[in-house]
Amino acid sequence: MAKSNTISFAIIFSSLLVMLLVAETVADPICSSVHGVQVDETCTLIIQKFNLDERHFLDINPNINCNLIFVGQWVCVDGKVV
């Protein structure tokens, strides 16, 4: 009985350890400048207009859905991820 408890504990402990090691760390973006989306603007046009790298733009706007961007939406155009 004690042996099965030890094995169960080892399995549970190992599983928790693996989940902690595999867990993705989420970086927090810090925005220095924003832009209000204008008529006919897309993420691509904003990226070009502000001379941004696409990956960086998406990193500083982690919740953006470029397929659903709308007029008046505030997007970060200058910032960093810490």
PDB file of N, CA and C in Angstrom:
ATOM      1  N   MET A   1       0.817  -1.203   0.000  1.00  0.00           N
ATOM      2  CA  MET A   1       0.000   0.000   0.000  1.00  0.00           C
ATOM      3  C   MET A   1       0.854   1.258   0.000  1.00  0.00           C
ATOM      4  N   ALA A   2       1.887   1.267   0.830  1.00  0.00           N
ATOM      5  CA  ALA A   2       2.762   2.435   0.904  1.00  0.00           C
ATOM      6  C   ALA A   2       3.495   2.647  -0.407  1.00  0.00           C
ATOM      7  N   LYS A   3       3.835   1.542  -1.065  1.00  0.00           N
ATOM      8  CA  LYS A   3       4.557   1.651  -2.333  1.00  0.00           C
ATOM      9  C   LYS A   3       3.678   2.303  -3.401  1.00  0.00           C
ATOM     10  N   SER A   4       2.396   1.953  -3.451  1.00  0.00           N
ATOM     11  CA  SER A   4       1.511   2.549  -4.454  1.00  0.00           C
ATOM     12  C   SER A   4       1.277   4.033  -4.164  1.00  0.00           C
ATOM     13  N   ASN A   5       1.235   4.412  -2.886  1.00  0.00           N
ATOM     14  CA  ASN A   5       1.100   5.827  -2.540  1.00  0.00           C
ATOM     15  C   ASN A   5       2.330   6.613  -2.971  1.00  0.00           C
ATOM     16  N   THR A   6       3.498   6.012  -2.793  1.00  0.00           N
ATOM     17  CA  THR A   6       4.745   6.664  -3.194  1.00  0.00           C
ATOM     18  C   THR A   6       4.786   6.844  -4.705  1.00  0.00           C
ATOM     19  N   ILE A   7       4.362   5.827  -5.418  1.00  0.00           N
ATOM     20  CA  ILE A   7       4.343   5.903  -6.886  1.00  0.00           C
ATOM     21  C   ILE A   7       3.330   6.958  -7.343  1.00  0.00           C
ATOM     22  N   SER A   8       2.162   6.981  -6.727  1.00  0.00           N
ATOM     23  CA  SER A   8       1.144   7.979  -7.077  1.00  0.00           C
ATOM     24  C   SER A   8       1.654   9.391  -6.815  1.00  0.00           C
ATOM     25  N   PHE A   9       2.294   9.576  -5.665  1.00  0.00           N
ATOM     26  CA  PHE A   9       2.853  10.883  -5.336  1.00  0.00           C
ATOM     27  C   PHE A   9       3.907  11.286  -6.363  1.00  0.00           C
ATOM     28  N   ALA A  10       4.767  10.354  -6.738  1.00  0.00           N
ATOM     29  CA  ALA A  10       5.827  10.643  -7.706  1.00  0.00           C
ATOM     30  C   ALA A  10       5.237  11.038  -9.055  1.00  0.00           C
ATOM     31  N   ILE A  11       4.187  10.362  -9.467  1.00  0.00           N
ATOM     32  CA  ILE A  11       3.546  10.677 -10.747  1.00  0.00           C
ATOM     33  C   ILE A  11       2.905  12.062 -10.694  1.00  0.00           C
ATOM     34  N   ILE A  12       2.189  12.347  -9.614  1.00  0.00           N
ATOM     35  CA  ILE A  12       1.540  13.654  -9.480  1.00  0.00           C
ATOM     36  C   ILE A  12       2.579  14.766  -9.414  1.00  0.00           C
ATOM     37  N   PHE A  13       3.615  14.559  -8.615  1.00  0.00           N
ATOM     38  CA  PHE A  13       4.675  15.559  -8.485  1.00  0.00           C
ATOM     39  C   PHE A  13       5.365  15.802  -9.827  1.00  0.00           C
ATOM     40  N   SER A  14       5.661  14.734 -10.543  1.00  0.00           N
ATOM     41  CA  SER A  14       6.313  14.860 -11.854  1.00  0.00           C
ATOM     42  C   SER A  14       5.422  15.603 -12.837  1.00  0.00           C
ATOM     43  N   SER A  15       4.137  15.306 -12.811  1.00  0.00           N
ATOM     44  CA  SER A  15       3.198  15.981 -13.713  1.00  0.00           C
ATOM     45  C   SER A  15       3.133  17.475 -13.421  1.00  0.00           C
ATOM     46  N   LEU A  16       3.069  17.827 -12.146  1.00  0.00           N
ATOM     47  CA  LEU A  16       3.045  19.243 -11.775  1.00  0.00           C
ATOM     48  C   LEU A  16       4.330  19.946 -12.180  1.00  0.00           C
ATOM     49  N   LEU A  17       5.446  19.285 -11.990  1.00  0.00           N
ATOM     50  CA  LEU A  17       6.732  19.858 -12.368  1.00  0.00           C
ATOM     51  C   LEU A  17       6.802  20.101 -13.872  1.00  0.00           C
ATOM     52  N   VAL A  18       6.348  19.145 -14.649  1.00  0.00           N
ATOM     53  CA  VAL A  18       6.348  19.292 -16.110  1.00  0.00           C
ATOM     54  C   VAL A  18       5.443  20.450 -16.521  1.00  0.00           C
ATOM     55  N   MET A  19       4.264  20.561 -15.911  1.00  0.00           N
ATOM     56  CA  MET A  19       3.351  21.658 -16.253  1.00  0.00           C
ATOM     57  C   MET A  19       3.973  23.009 -15.930  1.00  0.00           C
ATOM     58  N   LEU A  20       4.675  23.105 -14.823  1.00  0.00           N
ATOM     59  CA  LEU A  20       5.321  24.367 -14.470  1.00  0.00           C
ATOM     60  C   LEU A  20       6.444  24.716 -15.433  1.00  0.00           C
ATOM     61  N   LEU A  21       7.199  23.720 -15.849  1.00  0.00           N
ATOM     62  CA  LEU A  21       8.315  23.968 -16.757  1.00  0.00           C
ATOM     63  C   LEU A  21       7.848  24.297 -18.166  1.00  0.00           C
ATOM     64  N   VAL A  22       6.717  23.735 -18.558  1.00  0.00           N
ATOM     65  CA  VAL A  22       6.209  23.932 -19.910  1.00  0.00           C
ATOM     66  C   VAL A  22       5.358  25.195 -20.007  1.00  0.00           C
ATOM     67  N   ALA A  23       4.859  25.676 -18.880  1.00  0.00           N
ATOM     68  CA  ALA A  23       3.978  26.847 -18.874  1.00  0.00           C
ATOM     69  C   ALA A  23       4.642  28.013 -19.589  1.00  0.00           C
ATOM     70  N   GLU A  24       3.877  28.638 -20.442  1.00  0.00           N
ATOM     71  CA  GLU A  24       4.373  29.773 -21.222  1.00  0.00           C
ATOM     72  C   GLU A  24       4.365  31.029 -20.365  1.00  0.00           C
ATOM     73  N   THR A  25       5.474  31.724 -20.367  1.00  0.00           N
ATOM     74  CA  THR A  25       5.514  32.993 -19.655  1.00  0.00           C
ATOM     75  C   THR A  25       4.985  34.075 -20.590  1.00  0.00           C
ATOM     76  N   VAL A  26       4.150  34.916 -20.061  1.00  0.00           N
ATOM     77  CA  VAL A  26       3.544  35.973 -20.856  1.00  0.00           C
ATOM     78  C   VAL A  26       4.259  37.285 -20.549  1.00  0.00           C
ATOM     79  N   ALA A  27       4.774  37.897 -21.593  1.00  0.00           N
ATOM     80  CA  ALA A  27       5.459  39.172 -21.431  1.00  0.00           C
ATOM     81  C   ALA A  27       4.432  40.302 -21.431  1.00  0.00           C
ATOM     82  N   ASP A  28       4.719  41.318 -20.661  1.00  0.00           N
ATOM     83  CA  ASP A  28       3.827  42.470 -20.581  1.00  0.00           C
ATOM     84  C   ASP A  28       4.305  43.581 -21.506  1.00  0.00           C
ATOM     85  N   PRO A  29       3.453  44.004 -22.442  1.00  0.00           N
ATOM     86  CA  PRO A  29       3.842  45.117 -23.308  1.00  0.00           C
ATOM     87  C   PRO A  29       3.691  46.457 -22.585  1.00  0.00           C
ATOM     88  N   ILE A  30       4.594  47.361 -22.873  1.00  0.00           N
ATOM     89  CA  ILE A  30       4.508  48.736 -22.369  1.00  0.00           C
ATOM     90  C   ILE A  30       4.407  49.631 -23.594  1.00  0.00           C
ATOM     91  N   CYS A  31       3.288  50.324 -23.720  1.00  0.00           N
ATOM     92  CA  CYS A  31       3.044  51.151 -24.897  1.00  0.00           C
ATOM     93  C   CYS A  31       3.440  52.597 -24.630  1.00  0.00           C
ATOM     94  N   SER A  32       4.206  53.167 -25.558  1.00  0.00           N
ATOM     95  CA  SER A  32       4.653  54.558 -25.443  1.00  0.00           C
ATOM     96  C   SER A  32       3.839  55.502 -26.314  1.00  0.00           C
ATOM     97  N   SER A  33       3.224  54.961 -27.377  1.00  0.00           N
ATOM     98  CA  SER A  33       2.475  55.800 -28.310  1.00  0.00           C
ATOM     99  C   SER A  33       1.370  54.975 -28.966  1.00  0.00           C
ATOM    100  N   VAL A  34       0.188  55.568 -29.080  1.00  0.00           N
ATOM    101  CA  VAL A  34      -0.936  54.873 -29.702  1.00  0.00           C
ATOM    102  C   VAL A  34      -1.400  55.609 -30.955  1.00  0.00           C
ATOM    103  N   HIS A  35      -2.170  54.892 -31.756  1.00  0.00           N
ATOM    104  CA  HIS A  35      -2.712  55.431 -33.004  1.00  0.00           C
ATOM    105  C   HIS A  35      -4.159  54.973 -33.098  1.00  0.00           C
ATOM    106  N   GLY A  36      -5.049  55.895 -33.454  1.00  0.00           N
ATOM    107  CA  GLY A  36      -6.445  55.549 -33.692  1.00  0.00           C
ATOM    108  C   GLY A  36      -6.611  55.102 -35.134  1.00  0.00           C
ATOM    109  N   VAL A  37      -7.134  53.903 -35.318  1.00  0.00           N
ATOM    110  CA  VAL A  37      -7.301  53.344 -36.660  1.00  0.00           C
ATOM    111  C   VAL A  37      -8.241  54.227 -37.471  1.00  0.00           C
ATOM    112  N   GLN A  38      -7.838  54.522 -38.707  1.00  0.00           N
ATOM    113  CA  GLN A  38      -8.604  55.359 -39.630  1.00  0.00           C
ATOM    114  C   GLN A  38      -9.336  54.485 -40.654  1.00  0.00           C
ATOM    115  N   VAL A  39     -10.236  55.101 -41.396  1.00  0.00           N
ATOM    116  CA  VAL A  39     -10.978  54.406 -42.446  1.00  0.00           C
ATOM    117  C   VAL A  39      -9.997  53.762 -43.424  1.00  0.00           C
ATOM    118  N   ASP A  40     -10.266  52.530 -43.785  1.00  0.00           N
ATOM    119  CA  ASP A  40      -9.492  51.744 -44.752  1.00  0.00           C
ATOM    120  C   ASP A  40      -8.101  51.343 -44.267  1.00  0.00           C
ATOM    121  N   GLU A  41      -7.764  51.585 -43.004  1.00  0.00           N
ATOM    122  CA  GLU A  41      -6.462  51.133 -42.504  1.00  0.00           C
ATOM    123  C   GLU A  41      -6.543  49.665 -42.095  1.00  0.00           C
ATOM    124  N   THR A  42      -5.458  48.981 -42.320  1.00  0.00           N
ATOM    125  CA  THR A  42      -5.308  47.590 -41.902  1.00  0.00           C
ATOM    126  C   THR A  42      -4.064  47.506 -41.030  1.00  0.00           C
ATOM    127  N   CYS A  43      -3.875  46.367 -40.395  1.00  0.00           N
ATOM    128  CA  CYS A  43      -2.650  46.175 -39.611  1.00  0.00           C
ATOM    129  C   CYS A  43      -1.425  46.365 -40.500  1.00  0.00           C
ATOM    130  N   THR A  44      -1.477  45.825 -41.696  1.00  0.00           N
ATOM    131  CA  THR A  44      -0.341  45.928 -42.615  1.00  0.00           C
ATOM    132  C   THR A  44      -0.028  47.381 -42.940  1.00  0.00           C
ATOM    133  N   LEU A  45      -1.053  48.178 -43.219  1.00  0.00           N
ATOM    134  CA  LEU A  45      -0.826  49.594 -43.525  1.00  0.00           C
ATOM    135  C   LEU A  45      -0.262  50.347 -42.319  1.00  0.00           C
ATOM    136  N   ILE A  46      -0.756  50.039 -41.134  1.00  0.00           N
ATOM    137  CA  ILE A  46      -0.251  50.692 -39.921  1.00  0.00           C
ATOM    138  C   ILE A  46       1.201  50.299 -39.679  1.00  0.00           C
ATOM    139  N   ILE A  47       1.509  49.035 -39.865  1.00  0.00           N
ATOM    140  CA  ILE A  47       2.887  48.552 -39.707  1.00  0.00           C
ATOM    141  C   ILE A  47       3.814  49.296 -40.661  1.00  0.00           C
ATOM    142  N   GLN A  48       3.371  49.463 -41.911  1.00  0.00           N
ATOM    143  CA  GLN A  48       4.181  50.188 -42.898  1.00  0.00           C
ATOM    144  C   GLN A  48       4.267  51.674 -42.561  1.00  0.00           C
ATOM    145  N   LYS A  49       3.147  52.276 -42.182  1.00  0.00           N
ATOM    146  CA  LYS A  49       3.093  53.707 -41.890  1.00  0.00           C
ATOM    147  C   LYS A  49       4.043  54.096 -40.756  1.00  0.00           C
ATOM    148  N   PHE A  50       4.145  53.244 -39.750  1.00  0.00           N
ATOM    149  CA  PHE A  50       4.990  53.546 -38.597  1.00  0.00           C
ATOM    150  C   PHE A  50       6.326  52.797 -38.632  1.00  0.00           C
ATOM    151  N   ASN A  51       6.619  52.193 -39.783  1.00  0.00           N
ATOM    152  CA  ASN A  51       7.892  51.504 -40.001  1.00  0.00           C
ATOM    153  C   ASN A  51       8.180  50.487 -38.891  1.00  0.00           C
ATOM    154  N   LEU A  52       7.208  49.624 -38.649  1.00  0.00           N
ATOM    155  CA  LEU A  52       7.319  48.619 -37.597  1.00  0.00           C
ATOM    156  C   LEU A  52       7.596  47.244 -38.177  1.00  0.00           C
ATOM    157  N   ASP A  53       8.160  46.403 -37.358  1.00  0.00           N
ATOM    158  CA  ASP A  53       8.307  44.988 -37.681  1.00  0.00           C
ATOM    159  C   ASP A  53       6.984  44.313 -37.289  1.00  0.00           C
ATOM    160  N   GLU A  54       6.468  43.434 -38.138  1.00  0.00           N
ATOM    161  CA  GLU A  54       5.171  42.810 -37.873  1.00  0.00           C
ATOM    162  C   GLU A  54       5.154  42.086 -36.530  1.00  0.00           C
ATOM    163  N   ARG A  55       6.201  41.329 -36.232  1.00  0.00           N
ATOM    164  CA  ARG A  55       6.264  40.586 -34.964  1.00  0.00           C
ATOM    165  C   ARG A  55       6.207  41.542 -33.769  1.00  0.00           C
ATOM    166  N   HIS A  56       6.949  42.643 -33.869  1.00  0.00           N
ATOM    167  CA  HIS A  56       6.964  43.625 -32.783  1.00  0.00           C
ATOM    168  C   HIS A  56       5.580  44.259 -32.614  1.00  0.00           C
ATOM    169  N   PHE A  57       4.936  44.605 -33.727  1.00  0.00           N
ATOM    170  CA  PHE A  57       3.588  45.180 -33.682  1.00  0.00           C
ATOM    171  C   PHE A  57       2.623  44.238 -32.965  1.00  0.00           C
ATOM    172  N   LEU A  58       2.687  42.960 -33.297  1.00  0.00           N
ATOM    173  CA  LEU A  58       1.800  41.984 -32.664  1.00  0.00           C
ATOM    174  C   LEU A  58       2.161  41.772 -31.195  1.00  0.00           C
ATOM    175  N   ASP A  59       3.446  41.863 -30.866  1.00  0.00           N
ATOM    176  CA  ASP A  59       3.870  41.713 -29.468  1.00  0.00           C
ATOM    177  C   ASP A  59       3.382  42.865 -28.597  1.00  0.00           C
ATOM    178  N   ILE A  60       3.400  44.082 -29.133  1.00  0.00           N
ATOM    179  CA  ILE A  60       2.965  45.232 -28.333  1.00  0.00           C
ATOM    180  C   ILE A  60       1.446  45.433 -28.400  1.00  0.00           C
ATOM    181  N   ASN A  61       0.776  44.648 -29.234  1.00  0.00           N
ATOM    182  CA  ASN A  61      -0.691  44.630 -29.321  1.00  0.00           C
ATOM    183  C   ASN A  61      -1.165  43.180 -29.180  1.00  0.00           C
ATOM    184  N   PRO A  62      -0.973  42.576 -28.005  1.00  0.00           N
ATOM    185  CA  PRO A  62      -1.212  41.135 -27.864  1.00  0.00           C
ATOM    186  C   PRO A  62      -2.661  40.696 -28.067  1.00  0.00           C
ATOM    187  N   ASN A  63      -3.613  41.583 -27.912  1.00  0.00           N
ATOM    188  CA  ASN A  63      -5.023  41.197 -28.050  1.00  0.00           C
ATOM    189  C   ASN A  63      -5.632  41.603 -29.380  1.00  0.00           C
ATOM    190  N   ILE A  64      -4.815  42.077 -30.293  1.00  0.00           N
ATOM    191  CA  ILE A  64      -5.347  42.551 -31.571  1.00  0.00           C
ATOM    192  C   ILE A  64      -5.729  41.370 -32.463  1.00  0.00           C
ATOM    193  N   ASN A  65      -6.830  41.543 -33.177  1.00  0.00           N
ATOM    194  CA  ASN A  65      -7.228  40.598 -34.210  1.00  0.00           C
ATOM    195  C   ASN A  65      -7.258  41.398 -35.501  1.00  0.00           C
ATOM    196  N   CYS A  66      -6.241  41.234 -36.318  1.00  0.00           N
ATOM    197  CA  CYS A  66      -6.109  42.049 -37.531  1.00  0.00           C
ATOM    198  C   CYS A  66      -7.242  41.815 -38.528  1.00  0.00           C
ATOM    199  N   ASN A  67      -7.980  40.733 -38.385  1.00  0.00           N
ATOM    200  CA  ASN A  67      -9.132  40.497 -39.257  1.00  0.00           C
ATOM    201  C   ASN A  67     -10.355  41.291 -38.811  1.00  0.00           C
ATOM    202  N   LEU A  68     -10.324  41.788 -37.574  1.00  0.00           N
ATOM    203  CA  LEU A  68     -11.485  42.506 -37.033  1.00  0.00           C
ATOM    204  C   LEU A  68     -11.140  43.922 -36.587  1.00  0.00           C
ATOM    205  N   ILE A  69     -10.086  44.494 -37.130  1.00  0.00           N
ATOM    206  CA  ILE A  69      -9.674  45.850 -36.760  1.00  0.00           C
ATOM    207  C   ILE A  69     -10.771  46.824 -37.193  1.00  0.00           C
ATOM    208  N   PHE A  70     -11.023  47.859 -36.374  1.00  0.00           N
ATOM    209  CA  PHE A  70     -12.126  48.775 -36.686  1.00  0.00           C
ATOM    210  C   PHE A  70     -11.707  50.231 -36.511  1.00  0.00           C
ATOM    211  N   VAL A  71     -12.415  51.110 -37.196  1.00  0.00           N
ATOM    212  CA  VAL A  71     -12.146  52.549 -37.136  1.00  0.00           C
ATOM    213  C   VAL A  71     -12.308  53.019 -35.691  1.00  0.00           C
ATOM    214  N   GLY A  72     -11.315  53.771 -35.229  1.00  0.00           N
ATOM    215  CA  GLY A  72     -11.338  54.285 -33.867  1.00  0.00           C
ATOM    216  C   GLY A  72     -10.644  53.394 -32.855  1.00  0.00           C
ATOM    217  N   GLN A  73     -10.299  52.187 -33.263  1.00  0.00           N
ATOM    218  CA  GLN A  73      -9.590  51.279 -32.357  1.00  0.00           C
ATOM    219  C   GLN A  73      -8.202  51.841 -32.071  1.00  0.00           C
ATOM    220  N   TRP A  74      -7.811  51.841 -30.809  1.00  0.00           N
ATOM    221  CA  TRP A  74      -6.480  52.311 -30.440  1.00  0.00           C
ATOM    222  C   TRP A  74      -5.504  51.155 -30.533  1.00  0.00           C
ATOM    223  N   VAL A  75      -4.427  51.367 -31.281  1.00  0.00           N
ATOM    224  CA  VAL A  75      -3.378  50.356 -31.383  1.00  0.00           C
ATOM    225  C   VAL A  75      -2.057  50.984 -30.953  1.00  0.00           C
ATOM    226  N   CYS A  76      -1.227  50.181 -30.342  1.00  0.00           N
ATOM    227  CA  CYS A  76       0.084  50.650 -29.913  1.00  0.00           C
ATOM    228  C   CYS A  76       1.016  50.664 -31.123  1.00  0.00           C
ATOM    229  N   VAL A  77       1.715  51.778 -31.312  1.00  0.00           N
ATOM    230  CA  VAL A  77       2.636  51.882 -32.449  1.00  0.00           C
ATOM    231  C   VAL A  77       4.079  52.123 -31.997  1.00  0.00           C
ATOM    232  N   ASP A  78       4.270  52.246 -30.696  1.00  0.00           N
ATOM    233  CA  ASP A  78       5.624  52.375 -30.159  1.00  0.00           C
ATOM    234  C   ASP A  78       5.605  51.839 -28.740  1.00  0.00           C
ATOM    235  N   GLY A  79       6.469  50.909 -28.474  1.00  0.00           N
ATOM    236  CA  GLY A  79       6.515  50.337 -27.140  1.00  0.00           C
ATOM    237  C   GLY A  79       7.526  49.220 -27.065  1.00  0.00           C
ATOM    238  N   LYS A  80       7.502  48.537 -25.930  1.00  0.00           N
ATOM    239  CA  LYS A  80       8.419  47.418 -25.730  1.00  0.00           C
ATOM    240  C   LYS A  80       7.713  46.349 -24.919  1.00  0.00           C
ATOM    241  N   VAL A  81       8.282  45.171 -24.961  1.00  0.00           N
ATOM    242  CA  VAL A  81       7.749  44.045 -24.213  1.00  0.00           C
ATOM    243  C   VAL A  81       8.761  43.694 -23.134  1.00  0.00           C
ATOM    244  N   VAL A  82       8.284  43.664 -21.889  1.00  0.00           N
ATOM    245  CA  VAL A  82       9.183  43.341 -20.770  1.00  0.00           C
ATOM    246  C   VAL A  82       8.770  42.056 -20.095  1.00  0.00           C
TER     247      VAL A  82
END
